[in-house]
């Protein structure tokens, strides 16, 4: 969550952060972002826009930013409401290769950070994001050969997890429907 009136800066340090793709998706609100490298935005209407380095871009509900973790980022929320943002990154130069999220300075977090170890990735992949509403008895199946990361922005649900690698289930949802954002990396066949 990016509170109103917040400007944060993220600078990459090799000792602390890894190389890899970085994705941000806006759930609510809007904010401005300037990225120190080329960036692509998939708008809520599915149109795409490419931006050169150091271009300020406004992101609104349903927009998704595709960038790189090693680029510097300045984020500003001057809007009337906080912006809820989900993010994912794939650390490809880390010996413990991870698919995870990132917390930026000044942002509020509900401490729901999902991390998954991944096998070495070779070749191109599709990155698919889905918003799924799950009842306590429903789950999102995990498909062999695809890497899946799940996160929920609901602070009332402690964890969204895999059970025996069969699927992604809401945990401690108190019988309520839980909205889960599922990011899946799908290898592209040669």
C-alpha atoms as a PDB file:
ATOM      1  CA  UNK A   1       0.000   0.000   0.000  1.00  0.00           C
ATOM      2  CA  UNK A   2       1.407   3.382  -1.014  1.00  0.00           C
ATOM      3  CA  UNK A   3       0.011   6.010   1.386  1.00  0.00           C
ATOM      4  CA  UNK A   4      -0.985   9.427   0.029  1.00  0.00           C
ATOM      5  CA  UNK A   5       1.762  12.021   0.155  1.00  0.00           C
ATOM      6  CA  UNK A   6       4.556   9.432  -0.063  1.00  0.00           C
ATOM      7  CA  UNK A   7       7.527   9.583  -2.415  1.00  0.00           C
ATOM      8  CA  UNK A   8       9.869   6.614  -2.194  1.00  0.00           C
ATOM      9  CA  UNK A   9      13.086   5.771  -3.962  1.00  0.00           C
ATOM     10  CA  UNK A  10      14.460   2.315  -4.638  1.00  0.00           C
ATOM     11  CA  UNK A  11      18.100   2.040  -5.616  1.00  0.00           C
ATOM     12  CA  UNK A  12      19.581  -1.306  -6.561  1.00  0.00           C
ATOM     13  CA  UNK A  13      22.564  -2.616  -4.557  1.00  0.00           C
ATOM     14  CA  UNK A  14      24.200  -5.867  -5.661  1.00  0.00           C
ATOM     15  CA  UNK A  15      24.801  -6.900  -2.060  1.00  0.00           C
ATOM     16  CA  UNK A  16      21.093  -6.745  -1.232  1.00  0.00           C
ATOM     17  CA  UNK A  17      19.055  -7.255  -4.375  1.00  0.00           C
ATOM     18  CA  UNK A  18      19.247  -9.482  -7.431  1.00  0.00           C
ATOM     19  CA  UNK A  19      18.961  -9.139 -11.163  1.00  0.00           C
ATOM     20  CA  UNK A  20      15.666 -10.100 -12.740  1.00  0.00           C
ATOM     21  CA  UNK A  21      12.238  -9.115 -14.035  1.00  0.00           C
ATOM     22  CA  UNK A  22       9.976  -7.016 -11.821  1.00  0.00           C
ATOM     23  CA  UNK A  23       6.171  -6.689 -12.088  1.00  0.00           C
ATOM     24  CA  UNK A  24       3.799  -4.282 -10.278  1.00  0.00           C
ATOM     25  CA  UNK A  25       0.000  -4.486 -10.550  1.00  0.00           C
ATOM     26  CA  UNK A  26      -2.332  -1.734  -9.290  1.00  0.00           C
ATOM     27  CA  UNK A  27      -5.318  -3.075  -7.337  1.00  0.00           C
ATOM     28  CA  UNK A  28      -6.710   0.308  -6.212  1.00  0.00           C
ATOM     29  CA  UNK A  29      -5.781   3.983  -6.396  1.00  0.00           C
ATOM     30  CA  UNK A  30      -3.116   5.415  -8.662  1.00  0.00           C
ATOM     31  CA  UNK A  31       0.469   6.646  -8.459  1.00  0.00           C
ATOM     32  CA  UNK A  32       3.326   8.009 -10.553  1.00  0.00           C
ATOM     33  CA  UNK A  33       6.501   6.015 -11.156  1.00  0.00           C
ATOM     34  CA  UNK A  34       9.806   6.804 -12.835  1.00  0.00           C
ATOM     35  CA  UNK A  35      12.008   3.833 -13.690  1.00  0.00           C
ATOM     36  CA  UNK A  36      15.730   4.096 -14.521  1.00  0.00           C
ATOM     37  CA  UNK A  37      15.423   1.723 -17.471  1.00  0.00           C
ATOM     38  CA  UNK A  38      13.041   0.799 -20.291  1.00  0.00           C
ATOM     39  CA  UNK A  39       9.596  -0.149 -19.042  1.00  0.00           C
ATOM     40  CA  UNK A  40       6.418  -1.613 -20.496  1.00  0.00           C
ATOM     41  CA  UNK A  41       2.946  -0.977 -19.086  1.00  0.00           C
ATOM     42  CA  UNK A  42      -0.023  -3.225 -19.808  1.00  0.00           C
ATOM     43  CA  UNK A  43      -3.046  -1.007 -19.237  1.00  0.00           C
ATOM     44  CA  UNK A  44      -6.319  -2.217 -17.729  1.00  0.00           C
ATOM     45  CA  UNK A  45      -7.805  -2.332 -21.254  1.00  0.00           C
ATOM     46  CA  UNK A  46      -4.944  -4.705 -22.299  1.00  0.00           C
ATOM     47  CA  UNK A  47      -3.235  -2.099 -24.500  1.00  0.00           C
ATOM     48  CA  UNK A  48       0.537  -1.822 -24.041  1.00  0.00           C
ATOM     49  CA  UNK A  49       2.839   1.181 -23.879  1.00  0.00           C
ATOM     50  CA  UNK A  50       6.645   1.194 -23.935  1.00  0.00           C
ATOM     51  CA  UNK A  51       8.550   3.923 -22.084  1.00  0.00           C
ATOM     52  CA  UNK A  52      12.237   4.853 -22.258  1.00  0.00           C
ATOM     53  CA  UNK A  53      14.326   5.161 -19.089  1.00  0.00           C
ATOM     54  CA  UNK A  54      13.580   8.020 -16.696  1.00  0.00           C
ATOM     55  CA  UNK A  55      10.072   8.701 -18.035  1.00  0.00           C
ATOM     56  CA  UNK A  56       7.369   9.443 -15.447  1.00  0.00           C
ATOM     57  CA  UNK A  57       4.361   7.162 -15.936  1.00  0.00           C
ATOM     58  CA  UNK A  58       0.998   7.240 -14.143  1.00  0.00           C
ATOM     59  CA  UNK A  59      -0.388   3.829 -13.160  1.00  0.00           C
ATOM     60  CA  UNK A  60      -4.059   3.364 -12.276  1.00  0.00           C
ATOM     61  CA  UNK A  61      -6.368   0.493 -11.296  1.00  0.00           C
ATOM     62  CA  UNK A  62      -5.775  -2.579 -13.450  1.00  0.00           C
ATOM     63  CA  UNK A  63      -2.459  -1.368 -14.892  1.00  0.00           C
ATOM     64  CA  UNK A  64       0.603  -3.635 -14.750  1.00  0.00           C
ATOM     65  CA  UNK A  65       4.191  -2.422 -15.000  1.00  0.00           C
ATOM     66  CA  UNK A  66       6.873  -4.744 -16.428  1.00  0.00           C
ATOM     67  CA  UNK A  67      10.425  -3.737 -15.645  1.00  0.00           C
ATOM     68  CA  UNK A  68      13.696  -4.990 -14.125  1.00  0.00           C
ATOM     69  CA  UNK A  69      14.616  -5.193 -10.445  1.00  0.00           C
ATOM     70  CA  UNK A  70      18.056  -3.650 -11.070  1.00  0.00           C
ATOM     71  CA  UNK A  71      16.600  -0.335 -12.320  1.00  0.00           C
ATOM     72  CA  UNK A  72      16.221   2.571  -9.900  1.00  0.00           C
ATOM     73  CA  UNK A  73      12.601   3.504  -9.159  1.00  0.00           C
ATOM     74  CA  UNK A  74      10.950   6.646  -7.781  1.00  0.00           C
ATOM     75  CA  UNK A  75       7.307   6.271  -6.779  1.00  0.00           C
ATOM     76  CA  UNK A  76       4.965   9.132  -5.785  1.00  0.00           C
ATOM     77  CA  UNK A  77       1.356   9.003  -4.618  1.00  0.00           C
ATOM     78  CA  UNK A  78      -0.215  12.469  -4.613  1.00  0.00           C
ATOM     79  CA  UNK A  79      -3.712  11.089  -5.162  1.00  0.00           C
ATOM     80  CA  UNK A  80      -6.662  11.340  -2.772  1.00  0.00           C
ATOM     81  CA  UNK A  81      -6.384   7.692  -1.653  1.00  0.00           C
ATOM     82  CA  UNK A  82      -3.700   5.104  -0.905  1.00  0.00           C
ATOM     83  CA  UNK A  83      -2.696   2.910  -3.843  1.00  0.00           C
ATOM     84  CA  UNK A  84      -2.788  -0.839  -3.291  1.00  0.00           C
ATOM     85  CA  UNK A  85      -0.027  -2.483  -5.318  1.00  0.00           C
ATOM     86  CA  UNK A  86       0.995  -6.107  -5.689  1.00  0.00           C
ATOM     87  CA  UNK A  87       4.485  -6.834  -6.913  1.00  0.00           C
ATOM     88  CA  UNK A  88       6.584  -9.788  -7.944  1.00  0.00           C
ATOM     89  CA  UNK A  89      10.193 -10.233  -8.926  1.00  0.00           C
ATOM     90  CA  UNK A  90      12.325 -13.120 -10.097  1.00  0.00           C
ATOM     91  CA  UNK A  91      15.887 -13.034  -8.754  1.00  0.00           C
ATOM     92  CA  UNK A  92      17.838 -14.774 -11.496  1.00  0.00           C
ATOM     93  CA  UNK A  93      21.408 -14.152 -10.312  1.00  0.00           C
ATOM     94  CA  UNK A  94      20.809 -15.383  -6.760  1.00  0.00           C
ATOM     95  CA  UNK A  95      22.280 -18.823  -5.960  1.00  0.00           C
ATOM     96  CA  UNK A  96      18.981 -19.447  -4.144  1.00  0.00           C
ATOM     97  CA  UNK A  97      16.892 -18.447  -7.182  1.00  0.00           C
ATOM     98  CA  UNK A  98      13.627 -16.928  -5.897  1.00  0.00           C
ATOM     99  CA  UNK A  99      10.273 -15.710  -7.152  1.00  0.00           C
ATOM    100  CA  UNK A 100       9.191 -13.128  -4.577  1.00  0.00           C
ATOM    101  CA  UNK A 101       7.842  -9.663  -3.759  1.00  0.00           C
ATOM    102  CA  UNK A 102       9.542  -6.388  -2.796  1.00  0.00           C
ATOM    103  CA  UNK A 103       8.766  -3.786  -0.123  1.00  0.00           C
ATOM    104  CA  UNK A 104       9.658  -0.175  -0.895  1.00  0.00           C
ATOM    105  CA  UNK A 105      10.520   2.520   1.649  1.00  0.00           C
ATOM    106  CA  UNK A 106       7.471   4.315   3.066  1.00  0.00           C
ATOM    107  CA  UNK A 107       5.017   1.718   1.794  1.00  0.00           C
ATOM    108  CA  UNK A 108       2.685   0.020   4.240  1.00  0.00           C
ATOM    109  CA  UNK A 109       2.688  -3.762   4.191  1.00  0.00           C
ATOM    110  CA  UNK A 110       0.337  -6.344   5.598  1.00  0.00           C
ATOM    111  CA  UNK A 111       3.354  -8.697   5.796  1.00  0.00           C
ATOM    112  CA  UNK A 112       1.922 -11.075   3.211  1.00  0.00           C
ATOM    113  CA  UNK A 113       5.099 -11.737   1.275  1.00  0.00           C
ATOM    114  CA  UNK A 114       5.137 -14.978  -0.665  1.00  0.00           C
ATOM    115  CA  UNK A 115       8.434 -16.444  -1.818  1.00  0.00           C
ATOM    116  CA  UNK A 116       9.077 -19.580  -3.806  1.00  0.00           C
ATOM    117  CA  UNK A 117      12.360 -21.265  -4.749  1.00  0.00           C
ATOM    118  CA  UNK A 118      12.495 -22.006  -8.455  1.00  0.00           C
ATOM    119  CA  UNK A 119      14.533 -24.295 -10.680  1.00  0.00           C
ATOM    120  CA  UNK A 120      16.984 -22.863 -13.198  1.00  0.00           C
ATOM    121  CA  UNK A 121      15.016 -21.284 -16.013  1.00  0.00           C
ATOM    122  CA  UNK A 122      16.212 -21.617 -19.587  1.00  0.00           C
ATOM    123  CA  UNK A 123      14.482 -20.082 -22.564  1.00  0.00           C
ATOM    124  CA  UNK A 124      11.522 -17.746 -22.752  1.00  0.00           C
ATOM    125  CA  UNK A 125       8.441 -17.868 -20.531  1.00  0.00           C
ATOM    126  CA  UNK A 126       4.946 -16.378 -20.522  1.00  0.00           C
ATOM    127  CA  UNK A 127       4.035 -14.500 -17.353  1.00  0.00           C
ATOM    128  CA  UNK A 128       0.314 -14.771 -16.590  1.00  0.00           C
ATOM    129  CA  UNK A 129      -1.499 -13.009 -13.740  1.00  0.00           C
ATOM    130  CA  UNK A 130      -5.002 -13.952 -12.643  1.00  0.00           C
ATOM    131  CA  UNK A 131      -7.346 -12.550 -10.007  1.00  0.00           C
ATOM    132  CA  UNK A 132      -9.306 -15.417  -8.463  1.00  0.00           C
ATOM    133  CA  UNK A 133     -12.033 -15.299  -5.797  1.00  0.00           C
ATOM    134  CA  UNK A 134     -11.908 -18.474  -3.697  1.00  0.00           C
ATOM    135  CA  UNK A 135     -14.404 -19.807  -1.180  1.00  0.00           C
ATOM    136  CA  UNK A 136     -12.861 -21.816   1.687  1.00  0.00           C
ATOM    137  CA  UNK A 137     -13.568 -25.062  -0.227  1.00  0.00           C
ATOM    138  CA  UNK A 138     -12.064 -23.939  -3.541  1.00  0.00           C
ATOM    139  CA  UNK A 139      -8.471 -23.916  -4.711  1.00  0.00           C
ATOM    140  CA  UNK A 140      -6.401 -22.986  -7.739  1.00  0.00           C
ATOM    141  CA  UNK A 141      -4.751 -26.122  -9.153  1.00  0.00           C
ATOM    142  CA  UNK A 142      -1.003 -26.115  -9.719  1.00  0.00           C
ATOM    143  CA  UNK A 143      -0.059 -27.429 -13.173  1.00  0.00           C
ATOM    144  CA  UNK A 144       3.098 -29.503 -13.616  1.00  0.00           C
ATOM    145  CA  UNK A 145       5.856 -27.625 -15.434  1.00  0.00           C
ATOM    146  CA  UNK A 146       4.548 -24.184 -14.435  1.00  0.00           C
ATOM    147  CA  UNK A 147       5.853 -22.068 -11.572  1.00  0.00           C
ATOM    148  CA  UNK A 148       3.099 -20.400  -9.549  1.00  0.00           C
ATOM    149  CA  UNK A 149       3.321 -17.639  -6.939  1.00  0.00           C
ATOM    150  CA  UNK A 150       0.245 -16.586  -5.020  1.00  0.00           C
ATOM    151  CA  UNK A 151      -0.494 -13.587  -2.830  1.00  0.00           C
ATOM    152  CA  UNK A 152      -3.554 -12.023  -1.244  1.00  0.00           C
ATOM    153  CA  UNK A 153      -3.925  -8.431  -0.151  1.00  0.00           C
ATOM    154  CA  UNK A 154      -6.504  -9.399   2.500  1.00  0.00           C
ATOM    155  CA  UNK A 155      -4.942  -8.771   5.940  1.00  0.00           C
ATOM    156  CA  UNK A 156      -7.521 -11.090   7.547  1.00  0.00           C
ATOM    157  CA  UNK A 157      -6.150 -14.146   5.718  1.00  0.00           C
ATOM    158  CA  UNK A 158      -2.867 -15.201   7.283  1.00  0.00           C
ATOM    159  CA  UNK A 159      -1.547 -17.326   4.453  1.00  0.00           C
ATOM    160  CA  UNK A 160      -2.378 -18.516   0.994  1.00  0.00           C
ATOM    161  CA  UNK A 161      -0.421 -21.719   0.438  1.00  0.00           C
ATOM    162  CA  UNK A 162       0.044 -24.879  -1.507  1.00  0.00           C
ATOM    163  CA  UNK A 163      -1.155 -28.151  -0.061  1.00  0.00           C
ATOM    164  CA  UNK A 164       0.893 -31.150  -1.262  1.00  0.00           C
ATOM    165  CA  UNK A 165       1.553 -29.163  -4.463  1.00  0.00           C
ATOM    166  CA  UNK A 166      -2.059 -29.864  -5.492  1.00  0.00           C
ATOM    167  CA  UNK A 167      -3.120 -26.273  -5.412  1.00  0.00           C
ATOM    168  CA  UNK A 168      -3.385 -22.881  -3.754  1.00  0.00           C
ATOM    169  CA  UNK A 169      -5.821 -22.658  -0.849  1.00  0.00           C
ATOM    170  CA  UNK A 170      -6.927 -19.743   1.363  1.00  0.00           C
ATOM    171  CA  UNK A 171      -6.032 -20.365   5.009  1.00  0.00           C
ATOM    172  CA  UNK A 172      -7.870 -18.869   7.998  1.00  0.00           C
ATOM    173  CA  UNK A 173     -10.355 -17.071   5.776  1.00  0.00           C
ATOM    174  CA  UNK A 174     -13.096 -17.446   8.427  1.00  0.00           C
ATOM    175  CA  UNK A 175     -15.480 -18.795   5.804  1.00  0.00           C
ATOM    176  CA  UNK A 176     -15.234 -15.695   3.600  1.00  0.00           C
ATOM    177  CA  UNK A 177     -14.381 -15.460  -0.073  1.00  0.00           C
ATOM    178  CA  UNK A 178     -10.686 -14.612  -0.486  1.00  0.00           C
ATOM    179  CA  UNK A 179      -9.322 -12.747  -3.490  1.00  0.00           C
ATOM    180  CA  UNK A 180      -6.026 -14.278  -4.566  1.00  0.00           C
ATOM    181  CA  UNK A 181      -3.650 -12.945  -7.214  1.00  0.00           C
ATOM    182  CA  UNK A 182      -1.873 -15.815  -8.931  1.00  0.00           C
ATOM    183  CA  UNK A 183       1.209 -15.252 -11.083  1.00  0.00           C
ATOM    184  CA  UNK A 184       2.275 -18.187 -13.231  1.00  0.00           C
ATOM    185  CA  UNK A 185       5.439 -18.568 -15.309  1.00  0.00           C
ATOM    186  CA  UNK A 186       4.735 -20.858 -18.253  1.00  0.00           C
ATOM    187  CA  UNK A 187       7.694 -22.108 -20.351  1.00  0.00           C
ATOM    188  CA  UNK A 188       7.330 -21.387 -24.070  1.00  0.00           C
ATOM    189  CA  UNK A 189       7.963 -24.516 -26.088  1.00  0.00           C
ATOM    190  CA  UNK A 190      10.725 -24.250 -28.652  1.00  0.00           C
END
